[in-house]
Protein backbone atom coordinates (compact mmCIF):
# COMPACT_ATOMS: atom_id res chain seq x y z
CA MET A 1 -0.16 -0.08 0.33
CA PRO A 2 1.36 3.29 -0.93
CA ARG A 3 2.36 5.61 2.07
CA PRO A 4 2.99 9.08 0.62
CA VAL A 5 4.28 11.74 3.63
CA ARG A 6 4.86 15.70 2.51
CA LEU A 7 8.42 16.63 3.60
CA LEU A 8 9.02 20.27 3.89
CA TYR A 9 13.02 21.58 3.88
CA PHE A 10 13.99 24.57 5.84
CA ALA A 11 16.83 27.38 6.58
CA TRP A 12 20.18 25.13 5.48
CA LEU A 13 18.40 21.94 4.17
CA ARG A 14 16.31 24.29 1.87
CA ASP A 15 19.34 25.95 0.19
CA ARG A 16 21.97 22.53 -0.12
CA LEU A 17 18.59 20.56 -1.29
CA GLY A 18 17.53 23.29 -3.23
CA ARG A 19 14.21 22.32 -2.86
CA ALA A 20 11.90 23.56 0.00
CA GLU A 21 9.61 20.71 -0.14
CA GLU A 22 8.92 17.49 -2.36
CA GLN A 23 5.76 14.18 -1.83
CA VAL A 24 8.16 10.80 -1.56
CA VAL A 25 6.11 7.55 -0.79
CA LEU A 26 8.21 5.91 1.89
CA PRO A 27 8.98 2.32 1.89
CA ASP A 28 7.18 0.19 3.93
CA ASP A 29 10.25 -0.17 6.41
CA VAL A 30 9.93 3.51 7.10
CA HIS A 31 7.59 3.12 10.30
CA ASP A 32 8.94 6.44 13.08
CA ALA A 33 11.56 9.67 12.41
CA ARG A 34 15.13 7.08 12.84
CA ASP A 35 13.76 5.00 10.34
CA LEU A 36 13.04 8.07 7.98
CA LEU A 37 16.21 10.05 8.26
CA ALA A 38 18.21 6.88 7.83
CA TRP A 39 16.09 6.32 4.51
CA LEU A 40 16.49 9.68 3.62
CA ARG A 41 20.25 8.94 3.68
CA THR A 42 19.81 6.21 1.54
CA HIS A 43 17.10 8.26 -1.05
CA ASP A 44 19.10 11.36 -1.68
CA ALA A 45 22.67 11.79 -1.60
CA THR A 46 22.39 15.42 -1.04
CA PHE A 47 21.01 14.53 1.97
CA ALA A 48 23.09 12.16 3.08
CA SER A 49 26.23 14.14 2.47
CA LEU A 50 24.88 16.55 5.30
CA ALA A 51 24.54 13.22 7.47
CA ASP A 52 28.10 12.74 6.81
CA GLU A 53 29.18 16.00 7.93
CA GLY A 54 27.66 15.52 11.17
CA ARG A 55 24.68 17.85 11.65
CA THR A 56 21.78 17.82 13.21
CA ILE A 57 18.54 17.67 11.77
CA ARG A 58 15.40 18.20 13.49
CA VAL A 59 12.15 16.78 12.44
CA ALA A 60 8.30 17.86 12.77
CA ILE A 61 5.44 15.61 12.33
CA ASN A 62 2.55 17.58 11.88
CA GLN A 63 3.82 20.41 12.97
CA ARG A 64 4.92 18.75 16.12
CA PHE A 65 8.40 17.96 17.31
CA ALA A 66 9.57 14.46 16.70
CA GLY A 67 11.42 12.38 18.67
CA PRO A 68 13.35 9.43 17.09
CA ASP A 69 10.74 6.88 18.14
CA ASP A 70 7.71 9.05 16.67
CA LEU A 71 5.68 7.55 14.58
CA VAL A 72 5.26 8.29 10.77
CA ALA A 73 2.46 7.83 8.81
CA PRO A 74 0.80 7.83 5.03
CA GLY A 75 -0.54 11.75 4.28
CA ASP A 76 1.87 13.20 6.98
CA GLU A 77 3.50 16.62 6.82
CA ILE A 78 6.88 15.98 7.72
CA ALA A 79 9.29 18.99 8.48
CA LEU A 80 13.13 19.02 8.24
CA PHE A 81 15.40 21.67 9.91
CA PRO A 82 18.47 22.66 12.39
CA PRO A 83 17.88 22.61 15.27
CA VAL A 84 16.32 26.08 16.72
CA THR A 85 18.15 28.66 19.11
CA GLY A 86 17.17 31.80 21.33
CA GLY A 87 18.21 34.70 22.00
């Protein structure tokens, strides 16, 4: 069964990937935010290079901050961005 999600990229992720958003169909073995980030590394060479640089990438699912074990479901809107700093 197809598992489409909408990915939104912010800040340096958007700049380096060259896109602000995309629709993807997740494979059946992507269940949570941790799985999603691992899959993105295999799905997109530029994303993999960013992760290999040790850059921290935060995830929000349906506009709520997500931890590594938070589930990803078909139709979710998933935002990927650097950590937010205050001042």
